Amino acid sequence: MRLELTRSKARRAAGSVAIVIATLAAILMPVTPAHATYGPDLPVSLTVNSNAGPSIMLAQLTGTLAFDDGNTKFRYALRLCWGSGSYPMPNFYVSVNGSTVFYPGQTGTAPAPSGCQLHLFLYNGEYTHSTTITNITLYVTGGWFYPGNTYNSRTRSVTYDNPYN
């Protein structure tokens, strides 16, 4: 009988040690966060032309954007062309869900295509929002002088719905 109690105690001790080791392993293992997957790239093409005087191209935003299936991020790879007849340099911003405004930071330049000023301005990155992204709107504004010294500006926009919600 004494021998059986010793075996029983040994089994219980081994089981307890195994539970402690498994618990420690679970606690000490690094937790990897779930990564959302991006959907397909959506083409971006938005051109702003003057609407007074001779028609001139003021700005053009092209590139791609993609939403993540977690509904809180989007990535973008955009190029802003400054039309050769416009002044000053155009600008653009992003509205998230119709309220939050996000100004992407310029990440570089490239040689300008025909019809643009000296450089094509590059904007590449990712934006994370604190809540679900239902849509984003890209706004581009360009300016020009006509007639004489009268400054004019024009803004155009395009909205992209998040396909994951």
N, C-alpha and C. Protein backbone atom coordinates (compact mmCIF):
# COMPACT_ATOMS: atom_id res chain seq x y z
N MET A 1 0.83 -1.19 0.00
CA MET A 1 0.00 0.00 0.00
C MET A 1 0.87 1.24 0.00
N ARG A 2 1.95 1.19 0.70
CA ARG A 2 2.84 2.33 0.76
C ARG A 2 3.41 2.63 -0.61
N LEU A 3 3.71 1.61 -1.39
CA LEU A 3 4.25 1.76 -2.73
C LEU A 3 3.23 2.44 -3.64
N GLU A 4 1.95 2.09 -3.52
CA GLU A 4 0.92 2.71 -4.36
C GLU A 4 0.74 4.18 -4.04
N LEU A 5 0.80 4.56 -2.79
CA LEU A 5 0.68 5.97 -2.43
C LEU A 5 1.84 6.76 -3.01
N THR A 6 3.00 6.21 -3.06
CA THR A 6 4.15 6.89 -3.60
C THR A 6 3.99 7.09 -5.10
N ARG A 7 3.52 6.07 -5.80
CA ARG A 7 3.28 6.20 -7.25
C ARG A 7 2.20 7.23 -7.52
N SER A 8 1.14 7.20 -6.75
CA SER A 8 0.04 8.14 -6.92
C SER A 8 0.51 9.58 -6.69
N LYS A 9 1.31 9.76 -5.64
CA LYS A 9 1.85 11.09 -5.36
C LYS A 9 2.78 11.53 -6.48
N ALA A 10 3.55 10.61 -7.01
CA ALA A 10 4.48 10.94 -8.10
C ALA A 10 3.70 11.36 -9.35
N ARG A 11 2.62 10.64 -9.66
CA ARG A 11 1.79 11.00 -10.83
C ARG A 11 1.17 12.39 -10.64
N ARG A 12 0.66 12.64 -9.47
CA ARG A 12 0.05 13.95 -9.21
C ARG A 12 1.09 15.07 -9.29
N ALA A 13 2.24 14.83 -8.77
CA ALA A 13 3.31 15.83 -8.81
C ALA A 13 3.73 16.09 -10.25
N ALA A 14 3.87 15.02 -11.03
CA ALA A 14 4.25 15.17 -12.44
C ALA A 14 3.15 15.94 -13.20
N GLY A 15 1.91 15.63 -12.91
CA GLY A 15 0.80 16.35 -13.55
C GLY A 15 0.79 17.82 -13.17
N SER A 16 1.06 18.11 -11.92
CA SER A 16 1.11 19.50 -11.47
C SER A 16 2.26 20.26 -12.13
N VAL A 17 3.41 19.61 -12.22
CA VAL A 17 4.56 20.24 -12.87
C VAL A 17 4.24 20.51 -14.35
N ALA A 18 3.59 19.57 -15.01
CA ALA A 18 3.23 19.75 -16.42
C ALA A 18 2.27 20.93 -16.59
N ILE A 19 1.32 21.07 -15.69
CA ILE A 19 0.37 22.19 -15.75
C ILE A 19 1.09 23.51 -15.54
N VAL A 20 2.01 23.54 -14.57
CA VAL A 20 2.78 24.77 -14.30
C VAL A 20 3.62 25.14 -15.52
N ILE A 21 4.29 24.17 -16.13
CA ILE A 21 5.12 24.44 -17.31
C ILE A 21 4.26 24.94 -18.47
N ALA A 22 3.11 24.31 -18.70
CA ALA A 22 2.22 24.75 -19.79
C ALA A 22 1.70 26.17 -19.53
N THR A 23 1.37 26.46 -18.29
CA THR A 23 0.88 27.81 -17.93
C THR A 23 1.97 28.85 -18.14
N LEU A 24 3.19 28.55 -17.68
CA LEU A 24 4.30 29.48 -17.87
C LEU A 24 4.60 29.70 -19.36
N ALA A 25 4.56 28.63 -20.13
CA ALA A 25 4.82 28.76 -21.57
C ALA A 25 3.77 29.66 -22.22
N ALA A 26 2.52 29.49 -21.83
CA ALA A 26 1.45 30.32 -22.40
C ALA A 26 1.62 31.78 -22.01
N ILE A 27 2.05 32.04 -20.78
CA ILE A 27 2.24 33.42 -20.31
C ILE A 27 3.45 34.06 -20.99
N LEU A 28 4.53 33.33 -21.11
CA LEU A 28 5.77 33.89 -21.63
C LEU A 28 5.84 33.95 -23.15
N MET A 29 4.99 33.22 -23.86
CA MET A 29 5.01 33.27 -25.32
C MET A 29 4.57 34.64 -25.80
N PRO A 30 5.30 35.22 -26.75
CA PRO A 30 4.85 36.51 -27.25
C PRO A 30 3.54 36.36 -28.00
N VAL A 31 2.67 37.29 -27.73
CA VAL A 31 1.38 37.28 -28.41
C VAL A 31 1.52 38.09 -29.68
N THR A 32 1.20 37.50 -30.80
CA THR A 32 1.26 38.23 -32.06
C THR A 32 -0.11 38.79 -32.36
N PRO A 33 -0.18 40.07 -32.64
CA PRO A 33 -1.49 40.66 -32.92
C PRO A 33 -2.02 40.15 -34.26
N ALA A 34 -3.32 40.13 -34.34
CA ALA A 34 -3.97 39.73 -35.59
C ALA A 34 -3.72 40.82 -36.63
N HIS A 35 -3.31 40.42 -37.80
CA HIS A 35 -3.05 41.38 -38.87
C HIS A 35 -4.19 41.34 -39.87
N ALA A 36 -4.73 42.50 -40.14
CA ALA A 36 -5.78 42.57 -41.13
C ALA A 36 -5.17 42.44 -42.51
N THR A 37 -5.94 41.97 -43.43
CA THR A 37 -5.50 41.79 -44.79
C THR A 37 -6.09 42.89 -45.66
N TYR A 38 -5.25 43.45 -46.53
CA TYR A 38 -5.74 44.49 -47.44
C TYR A 38 -6.45 43.87 -48.62
N GLY A 39 -7.49 44.54 -49.05
CA GLY A 39 -8.20 44.13 -50.25
C GLY A 39 -7.46 44.59 -51.49
N PRO A 40 -8.08 44.45 -52.63
CA PRO A 40 -7.42 44.84 -53.87
C PRO A 40 -7.21 46.36 -53.94
N ASP A 41 -6.17 46.75 -54.66
CA ASP A 41 -5.92 48.18 -54.87
C ASP A 41 -7.03 48.78 -55.72
N LEU A 42 -7.55 49.91 -55.27
CA LEU A 42 -8.57 50.64 -56.02
C LEU A 42 -7.88 51.78 -56.76
N PRO A 43 -8.16 51.95 -58.05
CA PRO A 43 -7.50 53.03 -58.79
C PRO A 43 -8.03 54.40 -58.37
N VAL A 44 -7.13 55.36 -58.27
CA VAL A 44 -7.48 56.74 -57.95
C VAL A 44 -7.13 57.59 -59.16
N SER A 45 -8.08 58.40 -59.61
CA SER A 45 -7.83 59.35 -60.69
C SER A 45 -8.79 60.51 -60.53
N LEU A 46 -8.23 61.65 -60.19
CA LEU A 46 -9.04 62.85 -59.95
C LEU A 46 -8.32 64.04 -60.57
N THR A 47 -8.97 64.71 -61.51
CA THR A 47 -8.37 65.85 -62.19
C THR A 47 -9.18 67.10 -61.89
N VAL A 48 -8.48 68.19 -61.59
CA VAL A 48 -9.12 69.48 -61.34
C VAL A 48 -8.74 70.42 -62.48
N ASN A 49 -9.74 70.90 -63.20
CA ASN A 49 -9.53 71.86 -64.29
C ASN A 49 -10.14 73.20 -63.90
N SER A 50 -9.59 74.27 -64.47
CA SER A 50 -10.16 75.60 -64.21
C SER A 50 -11.56 75.65 -64.80
N ASN A 51 -12.41 76.48 -64.21
CA ASN A 51 -13.77 76.62 -64.72
C ASN A 51 -14.10 78.06 -65.08
N ALA A 52 -13.08 78.91 -65.20
CA ALA A 52 -13.26 80.29 -65.65
C ALA A 52 -12.09 80.63 -66.57
N GLY A 53 -12.37 81.27 -67.65
CA GLY A 53 -11.32 81.58 -68.61
C GLY A 53 -10.97 80.35 -69.41
N PRO A 54 -9.78 80.32 -69.95
CA PRO A 54 -9.38 79.14 -70.72
C PRO A 54 -9.25 77.93 -69.79
N SER A 55 -9.69 76.78 -70.25
CA SER A 55 -9.63 75.57 -69.43
C SER A 55 -8.19 75.08 -69.34
N ILE A 56 -7.70 75.02 -68.11
CA ILE A 56 -6.35 74.50 -67.87
C ILE A 56 -6.40 73.45 -66.77
N MET A 57 -5.51 72.48 -66.87
CA MET A 57 -5.41 71.46 -65.84
C MET A 57 -4.65 72.07 -64.66
N LEU A 58 -5.30 72.07 -63.50
CA LEU A 58 -4.71 72.64 -62.30
C LEU A 58 -3.98 71.59 -61.47
N ALA A 59 -4.58 70.43 -61.34
CA ALA A 59 -4.01 69.38 -60.51
C ALA A 59 -4.58 68.04 -60.93
N GLN A 60 -3.79 67.01 -60.66
CA GLN A 60 -4.26 65.65 -60.94
C GLN A 60 -3.70 64.72 -59.87
N LEU A 61 -4.60 63.97 -59.24
CA LEU A 61 -4.22 63.00 -58.22
C LEU A 61 -4.47 61.61 -58.79
N THR A 62 -3.42 60.78 -58.84
CA THR A 62 -3.55 59.43 -59.37
C THR A 62 -2.87 58.46 -58.42
N GLY A 63 -3.17 57.19 -58.58
CA GLY A 63 -2.52 56.17 -57.77
C GLY A 63 -3.50 55.10 -57.35
N THR A 64 -3.27 54.56 -56.15
CA THR A 64 -4.14 53.50 -55.64
C THR A 64 -4.36 53.67 -54.15
N LEU A 65 -5.44 53.04 -53.67
CA LEU A 65 -5.69 52.91 -52.25
C LEU A 65 -6.36 51.58 -52.01
N ALA A 66 -6.24 51.08 -50.79
CA ALA A 66 -6.84 49.79 -50.43
C ALA A 66 -7.30 49.84 -48.98
N PHE A 67 -8.44 49.21 -48.71
CA PHE A 67 -8.97 49.12 -47.35
C PHE A 67 -8.57 47.78 -46.75
N ASP A 68 -8.42 47.74 -45.42
CA ASP A 68 -8.14 46.46 -44.77
C ASP A 68 -9.46 45.83 -44.33
N ASP A 69 -9.44 44.50 -44.22
CA ASP A 69 -10.68 43.81 -43.86
C ASP A 69 -11.00 43.92 -42.37
N GLY A 70 -10.13 44.59 -41.61
CA GLY A 70 -10.42 44.86 -40.21
C GLY A 70 -11.20 46.16 -40.02
N ASN A 71 -11.42 46.90 -41.13
CA ASN A 71 -12.25 48.11 -41.15
C ASN A 71 -11.68 49.33 -40.45
N THR A 72 -10.40 49.33 -40.07
CA THR A 72 -9.86 50.50 -39.37
C THR A 72 -8.66 51.12 -40.06
N LYS A 73 -8.22 50.57 -41.21
CA LYS A 73 -7.04 51.11 -41.88
C LYS A 73 -7.25 51.17 -43.39
N PHE A 74 -6.47 52.05 -44.01
CA PHE A 74 -6.34 52.01 -45.46
C PHE A 74 -4.91 52.41 -45.80
N ARG A 75 -4.44 51.94 -46.92
CA ARG A 75 -3.12 52.32 -47.40
C ARG A 75 -3.29 53.06 -48.71
N TYR A 76 -2.29 53.87 -49.03
CA TYR A 76 -2.38 54.68 -50.24
C TYR A 76 -1.01 54.82 -50.89
N ALA A 77 -1.02 54.93 -52.20
CA ALA A 77 0.17 55.22 -53.00
C ALA A 77 -0.32 56.22 -54.05
N LEU A 78 -0.12 57.51 -53.77
CA LEU A 78 -0.70 58.57 -54.60
C LEU A 78 0.36 59.49 -55.17
N ARG A 79 0.04 60.08 -56.32
CA ARG A 79 0.91 61.04 -56.99
C ARG A 79 0.09 62.29 -57.29
N LEU A 80 0.61 63.45 -56.91
CA LEU A 80 -0.07 64.71 -57.14
C LEU A 80 0.71 65.50 -58.19
N CYS A 81 0.04 65.76 -59.30
CA CYS A 81 0.62 66.54 -60.39
C CYS A 81 0.17 67.99 -60.25
N TRP A 82 1.10 68.89 -60.35
CA TRP A 82 0.83 70.31 -60.28
C TRP A 82 0.75 70.81 -61.72
N GLY A 83 -0.44 71.13 -62.18
CA GLY A 83 -0.64 71.58 -63.55
C GLY A 83 0.22 72.79 -63.88
N SER A 84 0.77 72.82 -65.10
CA SER A 84 1.69 73.89 -65.47
C SER A 84 1.02 75.26 -65.53
N GLY A 85 -0.30 75.31 -65.60
CA GLY A 85 -0.98 76.60 -65.62
C GLY A 85 -1.54 77.02 -64.28
N SER A 86 -1.25 76.25 -63.24
CA SER A 86 -1.83 76.56 -61.93
C SER A 86 -0.81 77.22 -61.01
N TYR A 87 -1.34 77.94 -60.02
CA TYR A 87 -0.51 78.57 -59.01
C TYR A 87 -1.39 78.88 -57.82
N PRO A 88 -0.98 78.68 -56.63
CA PRO A 88 0.23 78.01 -56.17
C PRO A 88 0.07 76.49 -56.28
N MET A 89 1.02 75.76 -55.67
CA MET A 89 0.97 74.31 -55.70
C MET A 89 -0.38 73.84 -55.16
N PRO A 90 -1.00 72.86 -55.81
CA PRO A 90 -2.28 72.34 -55.31
C PRO A 90 -2.08 71.59 -54.00
N ASN A 91 -3.17 71.32 -53.34
CA ASN A 91 -3.10 70.52 -52.12
C ASN A 91 -4.22 69.51 -52.12
N PHE A 92 -4.09 68.53 -51.27
CA PHE A 92 -5.17 67.56 -51.12
C PHE A 92 -5.21 67.07 -49.68
N TYR A 93 -6.38 66.58 -49.31
CA TYR A 93 -6.55 65.97 -47.99
C TYR A 93 -7.58 64.87 -48.10
N VAL A 94 -7.68 64.09 -47.03
CA VAL A 94 -8.59 62.96 -46.98
C VAL A 94 -9.57 63.19 -45.84
N SER A 95 -10.84 62.97 -46.12
CA SER A 95 -11.86 63.00 -45.08
C SER A 95 -12.27 61.55 -44.81
N VAL A 96 -12.22 61.14 -43.54
CA VAL A 96 -12.59 59.79 -43.16
C VAL A 96 -13.98 59.84 -42.53
N ASN A 97 -14.89 59.07 -43.07
CA ASN A 97 -16.28 59.00 -42.59
C ASN A 97 -16.97 60.36 -42.60
N GLY A 98 -16.52 61.26 -43.46
CA GLY A 98 -17.17 62.56 -43.59
C GLY A 98 -16.85 63.55 -42.50
N SER A 99 -15.95 63.20 -41.57
CA SER A 99 -15.67 64.14 -40.49
C SER A 99 -14.19 64.31 -40.18
N THR A 100 -13.47 63.24 -39.97
CA THR A 100 -12.06 63.33 -39.62
C THR A 100 -11.25 63.73 -40.85
N VAL A 101 -10.37 64.71 -40.69
CA VAL A 101 -9.54 65.16 -41.80
C VAL A 101 -8.11 64.68 -41.59
N PHE A 102 -7.53 64.14 -42.64
CA PHE A 102 -6.18 63.60 -42.61
C PHE A 102 -5.40 64.18 -43.78
N TYR A 103 -4.24 64.78 -43.48
CA TYR A 103 -3.36 65.35 -44.50
C TYR A 103 -2.15 64.43 -44.68
N PRO A 104 -2.11 63.62 -45.75
CA PRO A 104 -0.96 62.75 -45.96
C PRO A 104 0.33 63.56 -46.10
N GLY A 105 1.41 63.04 -45.56
CA GLY A 105 2.70 63.69 -45.70
C GLY A 105 3.38 63.27 -46.99
N GLN A 106 4.04 64.21 -47.62
CA GLN A 106 4.75 63.93 -48.86
C GLN A 106 5.93 63.01 -48.57
N THR A 107 6.09 61.96 -49.38
CA THR A 107 7.16 60.99 -49.15
C THR A 107 8.25 61.06 -50.21
N GLY A 108 8.08 61.91 -51.22
CA GLY A 108 9.11 62.02 -52.25
C GLY A 108 8.62 62.78 -53.46
N THR A 109 9.49 62.84 -54.47
CA THR A 109 9.14 63.47 -55.74
C THR A 109 9.63 62.57 -56.87
N ALA A 110 9.10 62.82 -58.04
CA ALA A 110 9.52 62.11 -59.25
C ALA A 110 9.47 63.12 -60.39
N PRO A 111 10.14 62.82 -61.51
CA PRO A 111 10.06 63.73 -62.65
C PRO A 111 8.60 63.90 -63.09
N ALA A 112 8.26 65.11 -63.43
CA ALA A 112 6.88 65.42 -63.81
C ALA A 112 6.58 64.95 -65.22
N PRO A 113 5.38 64.39 -65.41
CA PRO A 113 4.98 64.05 -66.77
C PRO A 113 4.62 65.32 -67.54
N SER A 114 4.43 65.22 -68.82
CA SER A 114 4.07 66.36 -69.65
C SER A 114 2.82 67.05 -69.11
N GLY A 115 2.85 68.37 -69.08
CA GLY A 115 1.70 69.15 -68.60
C GLY A 115 1.77 69.50 -67.13
N CYS A 116 2.77 68.99 -66.42
CA CYS A 116 2.91 69.28 -64.99
C CYS A 116 4.11 70.19 -64.77
N GLN A 117 4.21 70.73 -63.56
CA GLN A 117 5.36 71.52 -63.17
C GLN A 117 6.59 70.61 -63.09
N LEU A 118 7.60 71.01 -62.41
CA LEU A 118 8.87 70.28 -62.40
C LEU A 118 8.82 68.90 -61.75
N HIS A 119 7.97 68.72 -60.74
CA HIS A 119 7.97 67.46 -60.00
C HIS A 119 6.57 66.90 -59.85
N LEU A 120 6.52 65.60 -59.70
CA LEU A 120 5.32 64.88 -59.34
C LEU A 120 5.50 64.57 -57.86
N PHE A 121 4.56 64.94 -57.01
CA PHE A 121 4.71 64.77 -55.57
C PHE A 121 4.13 63.42 -55.15
N LEU A 122 4.89 62.65 -54.38
CA LEU A 122 4.52 61.29 -54.01
C LEU A 122 4.05 61.23 -52.56
N TYR A 123 3.00 60.45 -52.34
CA TYR A 123 2.42 60.26 -51.02
C TYR A 123 2.15 58.77 -50.85
N ASN A 124 2.91 58.11 -50.01
CA ASN A 124 2.74 56.68 -49.77
C ASN A 124 2.66 56.44 -48.28
N GLY A 125 1.67 55.66 -47.85
CA GLY A 125 1.57 55.38 -46.43
C GLY A 125 0.34 54.59 -46.08
N GLU A 126 0.08 54.60 -44.79
CA GLU A 126 -1.05 53.87 -44.23
C GLU A 126 -1.69 54.76 -43.16
N TYR A 127 -2.99 54.73 -43.08
CA TYR A 127 -3.71 55.51 -42.07
C TYR A 127 -4.54 54.56 -41.23
N THR A 128 -4.47 54.71 -39.91
CA THR A 128 -5.26 53.90 -38.99
C THR A 128 -6.25 54.82 -38.28
N HIS A 129 -7.50 54.43 -38.29
CA HIS A 129 -8.57 55.21 -37.67
C HIS A 129 -8.99 54.54 -36.36
N SER A 130 -9.52 55.33 -35.45
CA SER A 130 -9.89 54.80 -34.13
C SER A 130 -11.20 53.99 -34.15
N THR A 131 -12.01 54.18 -35.19
CA THR A 131 -13.27 53.44 -35.30
C THR A 131 -13.37 52.85 -36.71
N THR A 132 -14.48 52.23 -36.99
CA THR A 132 -14.70 51.62 -38.30
C THR A 132 -14.70 52.69 -39.40
N ILE A 133 -13.96 52.42 -40.46
CA ILE A 133 -13.95 53.32 -41.62
C ILE A 133 -15.06 52.86 -42.57
N THR A 134 -16.03 53.74 -42.80
CA THR A 134 -17.10 53.41 -43.74
C THR A 134 -16.78 53.93 -45.14
N ASN A 135 -16.11 55.09 -45.20
CA ASN A 135 -15.71 55.63 -46.50
C ASN A 135 -14.62 56.68 -46.30
N ILE A 136 -13.94 56.98 -47.39
CA ILE A 136 -12.99 58.09 -47.40
C ILE A 136 -13.26 58.94 -48.63
N THR A 137 -13.03 60.23 -48.50
CA THR A 137 -13.18 61.15 -49.62
C THR A 137 -11.86 61.88 -49.82
N LEU A 138 -11.37 61.89 -51.05
CA LEU A 138 -10.16 62.62 -51.41
C LEU A 138 -10.57 63.96 -51.99
N TYR A 139 -10.01 65.05 -51.47
CA TYR A 139 -10.29 66.41 -51.95
C TYR A 139 -9.01 66.99 -52.53
N VAL A 140 -9.09 67.54 -53.73
CA VAL A 140 -7.93 68.18 -54.38
C VAL A 140 -8.33 69.60 -54.76
N THR A 141 -7.48 70.58 -54.40
CA THR A 141 -7.73 71.98 -54.72
C THR A 141 -6.58 72.53 -55.55
N GLY A 142 -6.91 73.20 -56.64
CA GLY A 142 -5.93 73.88 -57.48
C GLY A 142 -6.34 75.33 -57.67
N GLY A 143 -5.37 76.19 -57.97
CA GLY A 143 -5.67 77.60 -58.14
C GLY A 143 -5.04 78.17 -59.40
N TRP A 144 -5.56 79.32 -59.86
CA TRP A 144 -5.03 80.00 -61.03
C TRP A 144 -5.47 81.46 -61.00
N PHE A 145 -4.80 82.27 -61.80
CA PHE A 145 -5.14 83.68 -61.91
C PHE A 145 -5.84 83.94 -63.23
N TYR A 146 -7.06 84.53 -63.17
CA TYR A 146 -7.80 84.93 -64.37
C TYR A 146 -8.95 85.81 -63.93
N PRO A 147 -9.29 86.83 -64.55
CA PRO A 147 -8.47 87.59 -65.51
C PRO A 147 -7.44 88.43 -64.76
N GLY A 148 -6.36 88.65 -65.36
CA GLY A 148 -5.29 89.46 -64.76
C GLY A 148 -4.83 88.91 -63.45
N ASN A 149 -5.04 89.67 -62.37
CA ASN A 149 -4.55 89.28 -61.05
C ASN A 149 -5.64 88.73 -60.14
N THR A 150 -6.76 88.30 -60.68
CA THR A 150 -7.84 87.74 -59.87
C THR A 150 -7.56 86.25 -59.61
N TYR A 151 -7.42 85.93 -58.34
CA TYR A 151 -7.12 84.55 -57.99
C TYR A 151 -8.41 83.74 -57.91
N ASN A 152 -8.38 82.54 -58.48
CA ASN A 152 -9.50 81.60 -58.44
C ASN A 152 -8.99 80.27 -57.92
N SER A 153 -9.86 79.52 -57.30
CA SER A 153 -9.49 78.15 -56.90
C SER A 153 -10.70 77.25 -57.13
N ARG A 154 -10.40 75.98 -57.27
CA ARG A 154 -11.45 75.00 -57.51
C ARG A 154 -11.07 73.71 -56.81
N THR A 155 -12.07 73.09 -56.18
CA THR A 155 -11.87 71.83 -55.47
C THR A 155 -12.77 70.77 -56.07
N ARG A 156 -12.22 69.59 -56.25
CA ARG A 156 -13.00 68.43 -56.69
C ARG A 156 -12.74 67.31 -55.70
N SER A 157 -13.66 66.37 -55.65
CA SER A 157 -13.51 65.26 -54.71
C SER A 157 -14.04 63.96 -55.31
N VAL A 158 -13.62 62.87 -54.70
CA VAL A 158 -14.13 61.55 -55.06
C VAL A 158 -14.19 60.72 -53.77
N THR A 159 -15.26 59.94 -53.63
CA THR A 159 -15.47 59.14 -52.42
C THR A 159 -15.33 57.66 -52.74
N TYR A 160 -14.69 56.95 -51.81
CA TYR A 160 -14.52 55.50 -51.93
C TYR A 160 -15.15 54.86 -50.71
N ASP A 161 -16.11 53.96 -50.93
CA ASP A 161 -16.74 53.23 -49.84
C ASP A 161 -15.88 52.03 -49.44
N ASN A 162 -15.83 51.77 -48.16
CA ASN A 162 -15.10 50.61 -47.66
C ASN A 162 -15.90 49.36 -48.00
N PRO A 163 -15.37 48.45 -48.81
CA PRO A 163 -16.12 47.27 -49.22
C PRO A 163 -16.29 46.23 -48.11
N TYR A 164 -15.66 46.43 -46.96
CA TYR A 164 -15.71 45.43 -45.91
C TYR A 164 -16.78 45.70 -44.85
N ASN A 165 -17.58 46.74 -45.01
CA ASN A 165 -18.65 46.94 -44.03
C ASN A 165 -19.93 47.38 -44.69
